[in-house]
C-alpha atoms as a PDB file:
ATOM      1  CA  MET A   1      16.123 180.904 157.282  1.00  0.00           C
ATOM      2  CA  PRO A   2      13.691 183.296 156.710  1.00  0.00           C
ATOM      3  CA  HIS A   3      14.525 186.604 157.531  1.00  0.00           C
ATOM      4  CA  THR A   4      11.830 188.271 160.274  1.00  0.00           C
ATOM      5  CA  GLN A   5      13.057 191.225 160.881  1.00  0.00           C
ATOM      6  CA  ARG A   6      13.208 194.320 158.850  1.00  0.00           C
ATOM      7  CA  ARG A   7      15.588 196.389 158.126  1.00  0.00           C
ATOM      8  CA  GLN A   8      15.228 200.356 159.404  1.00  0.00           C
ATOM      9  CA  TYR A   9      17.584 202.100 156.844  1.00  0.00           C
ATOM     10  CA  GLN A  10      17.531 205.868 156.428  1.00  0.00           C
ATOM     11  CA  VAL A  11      17.513 207.768 153.186  1.00  0.00           C
ATOM     12  CA  ARG A  12      19.055 211.301 153.561  1.00  0.00           C
ATOM     13  CA  ARG A  13      18.917 213.642 149.946  1.00  0.00           C
ATOM     14  CA  LEU A  14      21.864 216.778 150.225  1.00  0.00           C
ATOM     15  CA  ALA A  15      18.953 219.085 148.326  1.00  0.00           C
ATOM     16  CA  SER A  16      16.418 218.181 150.967  1.00  0.00           C
ATOM     17  CA  THR A  17      19.165 219.087 154.087  1.00  0.00           C
ATOM     18  CA  PRO A  18      19.378 222.693 155.392  1.00  0.00           C
ATOM     19  CA  ALA A  19      22.631 223.897 155.348  1.00  0.00           C
ATOM     20  CA  VAL A  20      23.887 225.783 158.866  1.00  0.00           C
ATOM     21  CA  ASP A  21      27.369 227.322 159.684  1.00  0.00           C
ATOM     22  CA  CYS A  22      29.632 225.946 161.356  1.00  0.00           C
ATOM     23  CA  PRO A  23      33.072 227.092 162.253  1.00  0.00           C
ATOM     24  CA  CYS A  24      34.476 225.576 158.744  1.00  0.00           C
ATOM     25  CA  GLY A  25      31.682 226.993 156.418  1.00  0.00           C
ATOM     26  CA  VAL A  26      28.261 225.631 155.969  1.00  0.00           C
ATOM     27  CA  ALA A  27      27.614 221.924 156.583  1.00  0.00           C
ATOM     28  CA  ARG A  28      25.023 220.049 155.627  1.00  0.00           C
ATOM     29  CA  ARG A  29      24.285 217.280 158.488  1.00  0.00           C
ATOM     30  CA  MET A  30      22.480 214.633 156.728  1.00  0.00           C
ATOM     31  CA  PHE A  31      22.736 212.467 159.957  1.00  0.00           C
ATOM     32  CA  SER A  32      23.019 214.336 163.617  1.00  0.00           C
ATOM     33  CA  ARG A  33      22.579 213.604 167.186  1.00  0.00           C
ATOM     34  CA  ASP A  34      18.908 213.906 166.474  1.00  0.00           C
ATOM     35  CA  ASP A  35      18.660 210.944 164.600  1.00  0.00           C
ATOM     36  CA  ASP A  36      19.699 208.303 167.472  1.00  0.00           C
ATOM     37  CA  THR A  37      22.794 207.081 165.112  1.00  0.00           C
ATOM     38  CA  LEU A  38      26.440 205.887 166.198  1.00  0.00           C
ATOM     39  CA  LEU A  39      27.667 208.662 163.645  1.00  0.00           C
ATOM     40  CA  GLY A  40      27.371 211.969 162.176  1.00  0.00           C
ATOM     41  CA  VAL A  41      27.594 212.453 158.050  1.00  0.00           C
ATOM     42  CA  HIS A  42      28.126 216.513 156.784  1.00  0.00           C
ATOM     43  CA  ARG A  43      28.937 217.783 153.729  1.00  0.00           C
ATOM     44  CA  VAL A  44      30.834 220.858 154.118  1.00  0.00           C
ATOM     45  CA  THR A  45      31.982 223.578 152.369  1.00  0.00           C
ATOM     46  CA  ILE A  46      35.179 225.108 153.366  1.00  0.00           C
ATOM     47  CA  ALA A  47      35.265 229.064 153.902  1.00  0.00           C
ATOM     48  CA  ALA A  48      37.667 231.236 153.177  1.00  0.00           C
ATOM     49  CA  ASP A  49      37.505 232.010 157.101  1.00  0.00           C
ATOM     50  CA  ALA A  50      37.136 228.815 158.899  1.00  0.00           C
ATOM     51  CA  ARG A  51      37.854 229.543 162.401  1.00  0.00           C
ATOM     52  CA  LYS A  52      40.384 227.067 163.895  1.00  0.00           C
ATOM     53  CA  HIS A  53      38.827 224.758 166.985  1.00  0.00           C
ATOM     54  CA  TYR A  54      38.686 221.734 168.786  1.00  0.00           C
ATOM     55  CA  HIS A  55      36.601 218.957 170.090  1.00  0.00           C
ATOM     56  CA  LYS A  56      36.584 217.614 173.474  1.00  0.00           C
ATOM     57  CA  ASP A  57      34.903 213.959 172.693  1.00  0.00           C
ATOM     58  CA  THR A  58      34.363 214.089 169.302  1.00  0.00           C
ATOM     59  CA  THR A  59      36.680 212.440 166.112  1.00  0.00           C
ATOM     60  CA  GLU A  60      36.450 213.313 163.061  1.00  0.00           C
ATOM     61  CA  TYR A  61      37.263 212.275 159.281  1.00  0.00           C
ATOM     62  CA  TYR A  62      37.861 214.897 156.733  1.00  0.00           C
ATOM     63  CA  ILE A  63      36.648 212.734 153.054  1.00  0.00           C
ATOM     64  CA  ILE A  64      37.749 215.115 150.548  1.00  0.00           C
ATOM     65  CA  LEU A  65      35.677 215.277 148.006  1.00  0.00           C
ATOM     66  CA  GLU A  66      36.841 218.199 145.764  1.00  0.00           C
ATOM     67  CA  GLY A  67      39.445 221.225 145.416  1.00  0.00           C
ATOM     68  CA  GLU A  68      42.441 221.559 146.920  1.00  0.00           C
ATOM     69  CA  GLY A  69      43.867 222.827 149.928  1.00  0.00           C
ATOM     70  CA  GLU A  70      45.045 222.379 153.504  1.00  0.00           C
ATOM     71  CA  LEU A  71      44.147 221.716 156.969  1.00  0.00           C
ATOM     72  CA  GLU A  72      45.777 223.274 159.594  1.00  0.00           C
ATOM     73  CA  LEU A  73      46.326 220.505 162.426  1.00  0.00           C
ATOM     74  CA  ASP A  74      48.127 221.416 165.781  1.00  0.00           C
ATOM     75  CA  GLU A  75      51.532 223.153 164.501  1.00  0.00           C
ATOM     76  CA  ASP A  76      51.515 221.249 161.315  1.00  0.00           C
ATOM     77  CA  VAL A  77      49.892 222.087 158.189  1.00  0.00           C
ATOM     78  CA  VAL A  78      49.054 219.428 155.173  1.00  0.00           C
ATOM     79  CA  PRO A  79      48.202 219.555 151.690  1.00  0.00           C
ATOM     80  CA  VAL A  80      45.175 217.269 150.758  1.00  0.00           C
ATOM     81  CA  LYS A  81      43.296 217.112 147.480  1.00  0.00           C
ATOM     82  CA  PRO A  82      40.548 214.871 146.657  1.00  0.00           C
ATOM     83  CA  GLY A  83      40.328 211.370 147.224  1.00  0.00           C
ATOM     84  CA  ASP A  84      42.335 212.352 150.735  1.00  0.00           C
ATOM     85  CA  VAL A  85      41.129 211.356 154.226  1.00  0.00           C
ATOM     86  CA  VAL A  86      42.736 213.349 157.238  1.00  0.00           C
ATOM     87  CA  MET A  87      41.555 211.691 160.774  1.00  0.00           C
ATOM     88  CA  ILE A  88      41.059 214.300 163.475  1.00  0.00           C
ATOM     89  CA  PRO A  89      41.094 213.326 166.731  1.00  0.00           C
ATOM     90  CA  PRO A  90      40.125 215.070 169.941  1.00  0.00           C
ATOM     91  CA  TYR A  91      42.195 217.767 170.934  1.00  0.00           C
ATOM     92  CA  THR A  92      43.587 218.191 168.023  1.00  0.00           C
ATOM     93  CA  ARG A  93      43.103 222.151 167.187  1.00  0.00           C
ATOM     94  CA  HIS A  94      41.692 221.832 163.143  1.00  0.00           C
ATOM     95  CA  ALA A  95      41.256 224.270 160.599  1.00  0.00           C
ATOM     96  CA  ALA A  96      40.575 223.872 156.651  1.00  0.00           C
ATOM     97  CA  ARG A  97      41.910 226.357 153.887  1.00  0.00           C
ATOM     98  CA  GLY A  98      41.375 226.785 150.476  1.00  0.00           C
ATOM     99  CA  ALA A  99      38.083 225.835 148.330  1.00  0.00           C
ATOM    100  CA  LEU A 100      36.834 222.414 149.559  1.00  0.00           C
ATOM    101  CA  GLU A 101      33.960 220.088 149.899  1.00  0.00           C
ATOM    102  CA  ILE A 102      34.137 217.061 152.081  1.00  0.00           C
ATOM    103  CA  ILE A 103      32.128 214.517 153.922  1.00  0.00           C
ATOM    104  CA  ASN A 104      32.635 214.795 157.684  1.00  0.00           C
ATOM    105  CA  VAL A 105      32.292 211.638 159.463  1.00  0.00           C
ATOM    106  CA  VAL A 106      32.096 212.491 163.347  1.00  0.00           C
ATOM    107  CA  TYR A 107      32.223 210.261 165.960  1.00  0.00           C
ATOM    108  CA  PRO A 108      29.917 210.290 168.033  1.00  0.00           C
ATOM    109  CA  PRO A 109      27.257 212.575 166.233  1.00  0.00           C
ATOM    110  CA  LEU A 110      28.699 216.211 167.182  1.00  0.00           C
ATOM    111  CA  ASP A 111      27.167 217.541 170.126  1.00  0.00           C
ATOM    112  CA  PRO A 112      27.590 221.965 169.575  1.00  0.00           C
ATOM    113  CA  SER A 113      28.570 222.410 172.599  1.00  0.00           C
ATOM    114  CA  ASP A 114      32.229 220.241 171.980  1.00  0.00           C
ATOM    115  CA  GLU A 115      33.119 223.016 169.628  1.00  0.00           C
ATOM    116  CA  TYR A 116      36.108 225.089 171.630  1.00  0.00           C
ATOM    117  CA  PHE A 117      38.015 227.948 169.905  1.00  0.00           C
ATOM    118  CA  ASP A 118      41.418 229.260 171.866  1.00  0.00           C
ATOM    119  CA  GLU A 119      40.644 233.151 170.853  1.00  0.00           C
END
């Protein structure tokens, strides 16, 4: 049976994705709301002064690529290292600590108005 519909794939290059400040440090949002995709995919460099925050509608998956540190998740502190994956559901107050490089998979794609801070 011949394939009649062309696949509509997309490729993003880290080097051509602009860096933007975020509560965790600096993100390169390789796929975002603007792309009309099911997920957001961000490469994030965690900053030492990451701000604890939460989302009401967003679930995040942190895939630790480099470095070692910890995640504050509500009242818990969880050590993380390369190869770890952490799922952060809505309403979980969170902040990363340490020199980390992560892939952040976001569902649905991040809406900046869905970032909340207690302070």
